[in-house]
Amino acid sequence: MRAVERMAPHPGAERSQIRPAGTREHARVRSEAAPLRGGRRTVLLVEDDPRLRRLVYHMLKRTYRVLEAGDAAAAIAAIEGGGVDLVLLDLHLPPRGESPAEGLRVVDWIAKTMDRVPVVVMSGDQDRSLPESLRRGGVKEFLPKPLDVGRLLEVVGDTLGGTGETRS
């Protein structure tokens, strides 16, 4: 897969996953370097915080093929490339990281064009009505940040049929 790169500053310090001020983030799509075994299911991880993205990537990579994106444009490009079985999506993405607008744009785009791809939202957004609103809009599950690792793995496994293998 071709890498898509854009430089974008971290959107805000109000989030629980913070990097030092002045650092820059490469928003990119990157596939796991290891060869695929037995047609593993593909998870697109859309998260602008590089530390959280690496943590989730390493939790999933043994079972699933993992693609990464750091912004909405890279996420949409990866989904258009085909083969994505699940999208794990942060709502607060650059360039407007202080609001969920970019993540909601991805949710809306998937619902209109790729409705067969399940979406699991990961967000620290404090709006208590958001999870139910997202579910009504087609989102499979809402995972609050900071993430509960066990719950994340459970939701991904349940959504993809319990294994990383492609179902026939």
N, C-alpha and C. Protein backbone atom coordinates (compact mmCIF):
# COMPACT_ATOMS: atom_id res chain seq x y z
N MET A 1 0.83 -1.16 0.00
CA MET A 1 0.00 0.00 0.00
C MET A 1 0.88 1.23 0.00
N ARG A 2 0.50 2.23 -0.77
CA ARG A 2 1.22 3.48 -0.86
C ARG A 2 0.98 4.31 0.39
N ALA A 3 2.04 4.94 0.90
CA ALA A 3 1.89 5.78 2.08
C ALA A 3 1.33 7.14 1.68
N VAL A 4 0.42 7.64 2.47
CA VAL A 4 -0.13 8.97 2.29
C VAL A 4 0.35 9.78 3.48
N GLU A 5 1.12 10.85 3.26
CA GLU A 5 1.67 11.61 4.37
C GLU A 5 1.24 13.07 4.33
N ARG A 6 0.89 13.58 5.48
CA ARG A 6 0.60 15.00 5.69
C ARG A 6 1.15 15.36 7.05
N MET A 7 1.70 16.54 7.17
CA MET A 7 2.16 17.01 8.47
C MET A 7 1.05 17.81 9.12
N ALA A 8 0.77 17.52 10.39
CA ALA A 8 -0.26 18.27 11.11
C ALA A 8 0.12 18.35 12.58
N PRO A 9 0.01 19.52 13.20
CA PRO A 9 0.32 19.62 14.63
C PRO A 9 -0.74 18.92 15.45
N HIS A 10 -0.38 18.52 16.65
CA HIS A 10 -1.33 17.89 17.56
C HIS A 10 -2.43 18.89 17.87
N PRO A 11 -3.69 18.51 17.81
CA PRO A 11 -4.79 19.45 17.88
C PRO A 11 -5.03 20.12 19.23
N GLY A 12 -4.75 19.50 20.34
CA GLY A 12 -5.06 20.16 21.60
C GLY A 12 -4.58 19.40 22.80
N ALA A 13 -4.43 20.09 23.89
CA ALA A 13 -3.90 19.47 25.10
C ALA A 13 -5.00 18.99 26.04
N GLU A 14 -6.27 19.18 25.68
CA GLU A 14 -7.35 18.78 26.57
C GLU A 14 -7.57 17.28 26.58
N ARG A 15 -7.01 16.57 25.65
CA ARG A 15 -7.20 15.13 25.57
C ARG A 15 -6.27 14.40 26.51
N SER A 16 -6.65 13.19 26.86
CA SER A 16 -5.88 12.44 27.84
C SER A 16 -4.56 11.91 27.27
N GLN A 17 -4.45 11.71 25.96
CA GLN A 17 -3.22 11.26 25.35
C GLN A 17 -2.53 12.48 24.74
N ILE A 18 -1.50 12.99 25.41
CA ILE A 18 -0.86 14.25 25.00
C ILE A 18 0.59 13.98 24.66
N ARG A 19 1.10 14.64 23.63
CA ARG A 19 2.52 14.58 23.33
C ARG A 19 3.11 15.93 23.62
N PRO A 20 4.44 16.05 23.76
CA PRO A 20 5.06 17.33 24.07
C PRO A 20 4.72 18.38 23.03
N ALA A 21 4.56 19.62 23.48
CA ALA A 21 4.24 20.73 22.58
C ALA A 21 5.35 20.90 21.56
N GLY A 22 4.97 21.28 20.36
CA GLY A 22 5.94 21.55 19.31
C GLY A 22 6.27 20.35 18.45
N THR A 23 5.82 19.15 18.82
CA THR A 23 6.10 18.00 17.98
C THR A 23 5.10 17.97 16.84
N ARG A 24 5.44 17.27 15.77
CA ARG A 24 4.55 17.18 14.62
C ARG A 24 4.24 15.72 14.36
N GLU A 25 3.10 15.49 13.82
CA GLU A 25 2.58 14.14 13.58
C GLU A 25 2.54 13.86 12.09
N HIS A 26 2.99 12.71 11.70
CA HIS A 26 2.80 12.26 10.32
C HIS A 26 1.47 11.53 10.27
N ALA A 27 0.51 12.08 9.54
CA ALA A 27 -0.76 11.38 9.33
C ALA A 27 -0.54 10.51 8.11
N ARG A 28 -0.63 9.24 8.27
CA ARG A 28 -0.28 8.35 7.17
C ARG A 28 -1.12 7.09 7.21
N VAL A 29 -1.09 6.42 6.12
CA VAL A 29 -1.67 5.10 6.05
C VAL A 29 -0.49 4.16 5.92
N ARG A 30 -0.40 3.18 6.80
CA ARG A 30 0.72 2.26 6.78
C ARG A 30 0.19 0.86 7.08
N SER A 31 0.57 -0.07 6.28
CA SER A 31 0.14 -1.44 6.55
C SER A 31 1.22 -2.17 7.32
N GLU A 32 0.80 -3.18 8.03
CA GLU A 32 1.73 -3.98 8.80
C GLU A 32 2.77 -4.58 7.87
N ALA A 33 4.03 -4.55 8.30
CA ALA A 33 5.13 -5.02 7.46
C ALA A 33 5.18 -6.54 7.38
N ALA A 34 4.70 -7.22 8.40
CA ALA A 34 4.76 -8.69 8.41
C ALA A 34 3.85 -9.26 7.33
N PRO A 35 4.25 -10.39 6.73
CA PRO A 35 3.40 -11.00 5.72
C PRO A 35 2.09 -11.49 6.32
N LEU A 36 1.06 -11.46 5.52
CA LEU A 36 -0.24 -11.93 5.99
C LEU A 36 -0.27 -13.44 6.06
N ARG A 37 -0.94 -13.96 7.08
CA ARG A 37 -1.10 -15.41 7.22
C ARG A 37 -2.56 -15.74 7.12
N GLY A 38 -2.92 -16.57 6.18
CA GLY A 38 -4.26 -17.11 6.10
C GLY A 38 -5.36 -16.08 5.89
N GLY A 39 -5.10 -15.01 5.21
CA GLY A 39 -6.14 -14.04 4.89
C GLY A 39 -6.73 -13.36 6.11
N ARG A 40 -5.91 -12.83 6.98
CA ARG A 40 -6.39 -12.17 8.19
C ARG A 40 -7.31 -10.99 7.88
N ARG A 41 -8.25 -10.74 8.77
CA ARG A 41 -9.16 -9.59 8.65
C ARG A 41 -8.36 -8.31 8.81
N THR A 42 -8.83 -7.23 8.19
CA THR A 42 -8.11 -5.95 8.20
C THR A 42 -8.86 -4.92 9.04
N VAL A 43 -8.12 -4.32 9.98
CA VAL A 43 -8.63 -3.26 10.83
C VAL A 43 -7.93 -1.96 10.43
N LEU A 44 -8.71 -0.92 10.16
CA LEU A 44 -8.15 0.41 9.93
C LEU A 44 -8.24 1.17 11.23
N LEU A 45 -7.10 1.55 11.78
CA LEU A 45 -6.99 2.29 13.02
C LEU A 45 -6.78 3.77 12.69
N VAL A 46 -7.76 4.61 13.01
CA VAL A 46 -7.70 6.04 12.70
C VAL A 46 -7.57 6.80 14.01
N GLU A 47 -6.35 7.26 14.29
CA GLU A 47 -6.03 7.93 15.55
C GLU A 47 -4.90 8.91 15.29
N ASP A 48 -5.07 10.16 15.72
CA ASP A 48 -4.04 11.16 15.47
C ASP A 48 -2.93 11.16 16.52
N ASP A 49 -3.15 10.59 17.68
CA ASP A 49 -2.12 10.53 18.71
C ASP A 49 -1.20 9.34 18.41
N PRO A 50 0.07 9.60 18.08
CA PRO A 50 0.95 8.50 17.67
C PRO A 50 1.21 7.47 18.76
N ARG A 51 1.25 7.88 20.02
CA ARG A 51 1.50 6.91 21.09
C ARG A 51 0.32 5.96 21.28
N LEU A 52 -0.88 6.51 21.28
CA LEU A 52 -2.05 5.65 21.41
C LEU A 52 -2.21 4.77 20.18
N ARG A 53 -1.94 5.31 19.00
CA ARG A 53 -2.02 4.52 17.77
C ARG A 53 -1.05 3.36 17.82
N ARG A 54 0.18 3.57 18.29
CA ARG A 54 1.17 2.48 18.38
C ARG A 54 0.72 1.43 19.38
N LEU A 55 0.18 1.87 20.51
CA LEU A 55 -0.29 0.93 21.52
C LEU A 55 -1.39 0.02 20.96
N VAL A 56 -2.39 0.61 20.34
CA VAL A 56 -3.50 -0.18 19.79
C VAL A 56 -2.99 -1.05 18.64
N TYR A 57 -2.13 -0.50 17.80
CA TYR A 57 -1.54 -1.27 16.70
C TYR A 57 -0.89 -2.55 17.23
N HIS A 58 -0.07 -2.43 18.26
CA HIS A 58 0.63 -3.59 18.79
C HIS A 58 -0.31 -4.59 19.46
N MET A 59 -1.43 -4.11 20.01
CA MET A 59 -2.41 -5.03 20.61
C MET A 59 -3.11 -5.86 19.53
N LEU A 60 -3.28 -5.29 18.36
CA LEU A 60 -4.07 -5.95 17.31
C LEU A 60 -3.25 -6.71 16.28
N LYS A 61 -1.98 -6.36 16.10
CA LYS A 61 -1.21 -6.85 14.95
C LYS A 61 -0.98 -8.36 14.90
N ARG A 62 -1.02 -9.04 16.00
CA ARG A 62 -0.81 -10.50 15.97
C ARG A 62 -2.01 -11.25 15.42
N THR A 63 -3.18 -10.65 15.57
CA THR A 63 -4.41 -11.31 15.14
C THR A 63 -4.96 -10.75 13.84
N TYR A 64 -4.75 -9.46 13.63
CA TYR A 64 -5.34 -8.78 12.47
C TYR A 64 -4.28 -8.08 11.65
N ARG A 65 -4.59 -7.86 10.40
CA ARG A 65 -3.80 -6.96 9.57
C ARG A 65 -4.25 -5.56 9.96
N VAL A 66 -3.31 -4.67 10.28
CA VAL A 66 -3.67 -3.35 10.78
C VAL A 66 -3.15 -2.27 9.84
N LEU A 67 -4.06 -1.41 9.39
CA LEU A 67 -3.70 -0.21 8.65
C LEU A 67 -3.86 0.96 9.59
N GLU A 68 -3.05 2.00 9.41
CA GLU A 68 -3.12 3.15 10.29
C GLU A 68 -3.36 4.42 9.48
N ALA A 69 -4.12 5.34 10.07
CA ALA A 69 -4.33 6.67 9.49
C ALA A 69 -4.39 7.67 10.63
N GLY A 70 -3.86 8.86 10.38
CA GLY A 70 -3.84 9.88 11.41
C GLY A 70 -4.79 11.03 11.17
N ASP A 71 -5.52 11.00 10.07
CA ASP A 71 -6.51 12.05 9.80
C ASP A 71 -7.63 11.50 8.92
N ALA A 72 -8.68 12.31 8.73
CA ALA A 72 -9.86 11.86 7.99
C ALA A 72 -9.54 11.54 6.53
N ALA A 73 -8.74 12.37 5.89
CA ALA A 73 -8.42 12.14 4.48
C ALA A 73 -7.69 10.81 4.27
N ALA A 74 -6.73 10.53 5.14
CA ALA A 74 -5.99 9.27 5.04
C ALA A 74 -6.91 8.08 5.32
N ALA A 75 -7.85 8.25 6.25
CA ALA A 75 -8.81 7.18 6.57
C ALA A 75 -9.68 6.87 5.36
N ILE A 76 -10.22 7.90 4.74
CA ILE A 76 -11.09 7.70 3.58
C ILE A 76 -10.32 7.07 2.43
N ALA A 77 -9.08 7.51 2.23
CA ALA A 77 -8.25 6.92 1.17
C ALA A 77 -8.02 5.43 1.42
N ALA A 78 -7.76 5.06 2.66
CA ALA A 78 -7.52 3.65 2.98
C ALA A 78 -8.78 2.81 2.76
N ILE A 79 -9.94 3.34 3.15
CA ILE A 79 -11.19 2.61 2.97
C ILE A 79 -11.50 2.47 1.48
N GLU A 80 -11.28 3.52 0.71
CA GLU A 80 -11.50 3.45 -0.73
C GLU A 80 -10.58 2.44 -1.39
N GLY A 81 -9.41 2.20 -0.79
CA GLY A 81 -8.47 1.21 -1.32
C GLY A 81 -8.99 -0.20 -1.22
N GLY A 82 -10.01 -0.41 -0.41
CA GLY A 82 -10.65 -1.72 -0.30
C GLY A 82 -10.02 -2.63 0.73
N GLY A 83 -10.76 -3.64 1.10
CA GLY A 83 -10.25 -4.68 1.98
C GLY A 83 -10.31 -4.36 3.46
N VAL A 84 -10.93 -3.25 3.86
CA VAL A 84 -11.04 -2.91 5.27
C VAL A 84 -12.28 -3.60 5.84
N ASP A 85 -12.09 -4.38 6.90
CA ASP A 85 -13.19 -5.11 7.53
C ASP A 85 -13.78 -4.39 8.73
N LEU A 86 -13.02 -3.48 9.34
CA LEU A 86 -13.46 -2.75 10.53
C LEU A 86 -12.67 -1.46 10.61
N VAL A 87 -13.36 -0.37 11.01
CA VAL A 87 -12.69 0.92 11.24
C VAL A 87 -12.77 1.24 12.72
N LEU A 88 -11.61 1.42 13.36
CA LEU A 88 -11.52 1.92 14.73
C LEU A 88 -11.21 3.40 14.59
N LEU A 89 -12.11 4.27 15.00
CA LEU A 89 -12.04 5.68 14.66
C LEU A 89 -12.08 6.60 15.86
N ASP A 90 -11.06 7.44 15.98
CA ASP A 90 -11.08 8.56 16.92
C ASP A 90 -11.89 9.66 16.26
N LEU A 91 -12.72 10.37 17.00
CA LEU A 91 -13.52 11.45 16.42
C LEU A 91 -12.75 12.75 16.28
N HIS A 92 -11.87 13.05 17.21
CA HIS A 92 -11.15 14.32 17.24
C HIS A 92 -9.87 14.21 16.41
N LEU A 93 -10.00 14.51 15.13
CA LEU A 93 -8.90 14.39 14.17
C LEU A 93 -8.52 15.76 13.64
N PRO A 94 -7.26 15.90 13.17
CA PRO A 94 -6.86 17.17 12.57
C PRO A 94 -7.62 17.42 11.27
N PRO A 95 -7.81 18.63 10.85
CA PRO A 95 -7.22 19.84 11.41
C PRO A 95 -8.03 20.46 12.52
N ARG A 96 -9.25 19.98 12.74
CA ARG A 96 -10.10 20.55 13.79
C ARG A 96 -10.21 19.59 14.96
N GLY A 97 -9.08 19.29 15.57
CA GLY A 97 -9.04 18.29 16.63
C GLY A 97 -9.79 18.64 17.88
N GLU A 98 -10.12 19.92 18.06
CA GLU A 98 -10.85 20.31 19.26
C GLU A 98 -12.33 19.93 19.19
N SER A 99 -12.79 19.57 18.00
CA SER A 99 -14.19 19.15 17.85
C SER A 99 -14.23 17.79 17.15
N PRO A 100 -15.37 17.11 17.26
CA PRO A 100 -15.48 15.80 16.61
C PRO A 100 -15.83 15.87 15.12
N ALA A 101 -15.78 17.06 14.52
CA ALA A 101 -16.25 17.25 13.15
C ALA A 101 -15.58 16.33 12.13
N GLU A 102 -14.28 16.18 12.19
CA GLU A 102 -13.58 15.36 11.19
C GLU A 102 -13.93 13.89 11.34
N GLY A 103 -13.99 13.39 12.56
CA GLY A 103 -14.39 12.00 12.77
C GLY A 103 -15.82 11.75 12.34
N LEU A 104 -16.70 12.69 12.64
CA LEU A 104 -18.10 12.55 12.22
C LEU A 104 -18.22 12.59 10.71
N ARG A 105 -17.33 13.34 10.04
CA ARG A 105 -17.32 13.36 8.58
C ARG A 105 -16.98 11.96 8.04
N VAL A 106 -16.04 11.27 8.67
CA VAL A 106 -15.68 9.91 8.25
C VAL A 106 -16.85 8.96 8.50
N VAL A 107 -17.49 9.06 9.66
CA VAL A 107 -18.65 8.21 9.97
C VAL A 107 -19.73 8.42 8.91
N ASP A 108 -20.03 9.67 8.59
CA ASP A 108 -21.06 10.00 7.60
C ASP A 108 -20.68 9.46 6.22
N TRP A 109 -19.42 9.61 5.84
CA TRP A 109 -18.96 9.13 4.53
C TRP A 109 -19.10 7.60 4.44
N ILE A 110 -18.71 6.90 5.50
CA ILE A 110 -18.82 5.44 5.50
C ILE A 110 -20.29 5.03 5.40
N ALA A 111 -21.16 5.69 6.16
CA ALA A 111 -22.60 5.35 6.14
C ALA A 111 -23.19 5.54 4.75
N LYS A 112 -22.73 6.54 4.02
CA LYS A 112 -23.28 6.84 2.70
C LYS A 112 -22.68 6.00 1.58
N THR A 113 -21.42 5.60 1.73
CA THR A 113 -20.74 4.95 0.61
C THR A 113 -20.27 3.52 0.87
N MET A 114 -20.03 3.18 2.11
CA MET A 114 -19.46 1.87 2.44
C MET A 114 -20.17 1.28 3.65
N ASP A 115 -21.49 1.27 3.64
CA ASP A 115 -22.25 0.91 4.82
C ASP A 115 -21.98 -0.49 5.35
N ARG A 116 -21.33 -1.32 4.58
CA ARG A 116 -21.03 -2.67 5.05
C ARG A 116 -19.82 -2.70 5.98
N VAL A 117 -19.05 -1.61 6.06
CA VAL A 117 -17.86 -1.57 6.92
C VAL A 117 -18.26 -1.09 8.31
N PRO A 118 -18.14 -1.97 9.33
CA PRO A 118 -18.51 -1.55 10.68
C PRO A 118 -17.51 -0.53 11.24
N VAL A 119 -18.03 0.40 12.04
CA VAL A 119 -17.22 1.45 12.65
C VAL A 119 -17.35 1.34 14.16
N VAL A 120 -16.20 1.37 14.84
CA VAL A 120 -16.15 1.45 16.29
C VAL A 120 -15.45 2.77 16.61
N VAL A 121 -16.15 3.64 17.34
CA VAL A 121 -15.60 4.95 17.68
C VAL A 121 -14.91 4.87 19.03
N MET A 122 -13.70 5.47 19.08
CA MET A 122 -12.94 5.61 20.32
C MET A 122 -12.83 7.11 20.57
N SER A 123 -13.34 7.59 21.70
CA SER A 123 -13.31 9.04 21.92
C SER A 123 -13.35 9.39 23.39
N GLY A 124 -12.68 10.49 23.70
CA GLY A 124 -12.73 11.06 25.04
C GLY A 124 -13.75 12.18 25.13
N ASP A 125 -14.58 12.32 24.10
CA ASP A 125 -15.59 13.38 24.07
C ASP A 125 -16.51 13.25 25.27
N GLN A 126 -16.81 14.35 25.92
CA GLN A 126 -17.61 14.35 27.14
C GLN A 126 -19.12 14.47 26.89
N ASP A 127 -19.54 14.62 25.65
CA ASP A 127 -20.96 14.74 25.32
C ASP A 127 -21.64 13.39 25.60
N ARG A 128 -22.47 13.36 26.62
CA ARG A 128 -23.11 12.11 27.04
C ARG A 128 -24.11 11.57 26.03
N SER A 129 -24.61 12.41 25.15
CA SER A 129 -25.58 11.96 24.14
C SER A 129 -24.89 11.39 22.90
N LEU A 130 -23.59 11.60 22.79
CA LEU A 130 -22.86 11.20 21.59
C LEU A 130 -22.90 9.69 21.31
N PRO A 131 -22.64 8.82 22.29
CA PRO A 131 -22.66 7.38 21.97
C PRO A 131 -23.97 6.91 21.35
N GLU A 132 -25.09 7.31 21.92
CA GLU A 132 -26.38 6.88 21.38
C GLU A 132 -26.63 7.48 20.01
N SER A 133 -26.27 8.73 19.84
CA SER A 133 -26.41 9.39 18.54
C SER A 133 -25.59 8.68 17.47
N LEU A 134 -24.39 8.30 17.80
CA LEU A 134 -23.53 7.58 16.86
C LEU A 134 -24.11 6.21 16.51
N ARG A 135 -24.62 5.51 17.50
CA ARG A 135 -25.23 4.20 17.24
C ARG A 135 -26.43 4.32 16.29
N ARG A 136 -27.24 5.36 16.50
CA ARG A 136 -28.37 5.59 15.59
C ARG A 136 -27.88 5.89 14.18
N GLY A 137 -26.69 6.46 14.07
CA GLY A 137 -26.10 6.77 12.77
C GLY A 137 -25.33 5.61 12.16
N GLY A 138 -25.39 4.44 12.79
CA GLY A 138 -24.77 3.25 12.20
C GLY A 138 -23.47 2.80 12.83
N VAL A 139 -22.97 3.51 13.83
CA VAL A 139 -21.73 3.10 14.50
C VAL A 139 -22.01 1.86 15.34
N LYS A 140 -21.15 0.88 15.21
CA LYS A 140 -21.32 -0.41 15.91
C LYS A 140 -21.17 -0.26 17.43
N GLU A 141 -20.15 0.47 17.85
CA GLU A 141 -19.86 0.57 19.29
C GLU A 141 -19.12 1.87 19.56
N PHE A 142 -19.26 2.37 20.79
CA PHE A 142 -18.56 3.56 21.26
C PHE A 142 -17.69 3.15 22.43
N LEU A 143 -16.38 3.37 22.32
CA LEU A 143 -15.44 3.05 23.40
C LEU A 143 -14.89 4.36 23.96
N PRO A 144 -15.15 4.63 25.25
CA PRO A 144 -14.63 5.88 25.84
C PRO A 144 -13.12 5.79 26.07
N LYS A 145 -12.47 6.97 25.97
CA LYS A 145 -11.06 7.08 26.33
C LYS A 145 -10.99 7.65 27.73
N PRO A 146 -10.01 7.21 28.51
CA PRO A 146 -8.97 6.26 28.14
C PRO A 146 -9.55 4.88 27.88
N LEU A 147 -8.94 4.19 26.93
CA LEU A 147 -9.46 2.90 26.47
C LEU A 147 -9.27 1.81 27.51
N ASP A 148 -10.25 0.94 27.60
CA ASP A 148 -10.18 -0.29 28.37
C ASP A 148 -9.72 -1.35 27.37
N VAL A 149 -8.48 -1.81 27.54
CA VAL A 149 -7.87 -2.73 26.59
C VAL A 149 -8.71 -3.99 26.40
N GLY A 150 -9.16 -4.57 27.47
CA GLY A 150 -9.97 -5.79 27.37
C GLY A 150 -11.24 -5.56 26.57
N ARG A 151 -11.90 -4.45 26.84
CA ARG A 151 -13.14 -4.13 26.11
C ARG A 151 -12.85 -3.88 24.63
N LEU A 152 -11.77 -3.20 24.33
CA LEU A 152 -11.38 -2.96 22.94
C LEU A 152 -11.19 -4.28 22.19
N LEU A 153 -10.43 -5.18 22.77
CA LEU A 153 -10.18 -6.47 22.12
C LEU A 153 -11.47 -7.28 21.98
N GLU A 154 -12.33 -7.21 22.98
CA GLU A 154 -13.62 -7.91 22.93
C GLU A 154 -14.49 -7.38 21.80
N VAL A 155 -14.60 -6.06 21.68
CA VAL A 155 -15.44 -5.45 20.65
C VAL A 155 -14.90 -5.78 19.25
N VAL A 156 -13.59 -5.68 19.06
CA VAL A 156 -13.01 -6.00 17.75
C VAL A 156 -13.26 -7.47 17.42
N GLY A 157 -13.01 -8.36 18.37
CA GLY A 157 -13.24 -9.79 18.14
C GLY A 157 -14.68 -10.11 17.83
N ASP A 158 -15.60 -9.54 18.60
CA ASP A 158 -17.03 -9.78 18.38
C ASP A 158 -17.47 -9.24 17.01
N THR A 159 -16.99 -8.07 16.66
CA THR A 159 -17.38 -7.44 15.40
C THR A 159 -16.87 -8.22 14.20
N LEU A 160 -15.69 -8.77 14.32
CA LEU A 160 -15.10 -9.51 13.21
C LEU A 160 -15.30 -11.02 13.31
N GLY A 161 -16.21 -11.43 14.15
CA GLY A 161 -16.53 -12.86 14.24
C GLY A 161 -15.62 -13.64 15.15
N GLY A 162 -14.90 -12.99 16.03
CA GLY A 162 -14.13 -13.68 17.04
C GLY A 162 -12.73 -14.09 16.66
N THR A 163 -12.35 -14.00 15.39
CA THR A 163 -10.99 -14.37 15.00
C THR A 163 -10.47 -13.38 13.98
N GLY A 164 -9.20 -13.48 13.73
CA GLY A 164 -8.59 -12.63 12.72
C GLY A 164 -8.69 -13.23 11.33
N GLU A 165 -9.21 -14.43 11.23
CA GLU A 165 -9.30 -15.10 9.93
C GLU A 165 -10.48 -14.60 9.11
N THR A 166 -10.32 -14.53 7.83
CA THR A 166 -11.39 -14.13 6.94
C THR A 166 -12.43 -15.22 6.92
N ARG A 167 -13.69 -14.81 7.09
CA ARG A 167 -14.78 -15.80 7.05
C ARG A 167 -15.17 -16.07 5.62
N SER A 168 -15.60 -17.30 5.37
CA SER A 168 -16.04 -17.68 4.02
C SER A 168 -17.52 -17.50 3.86
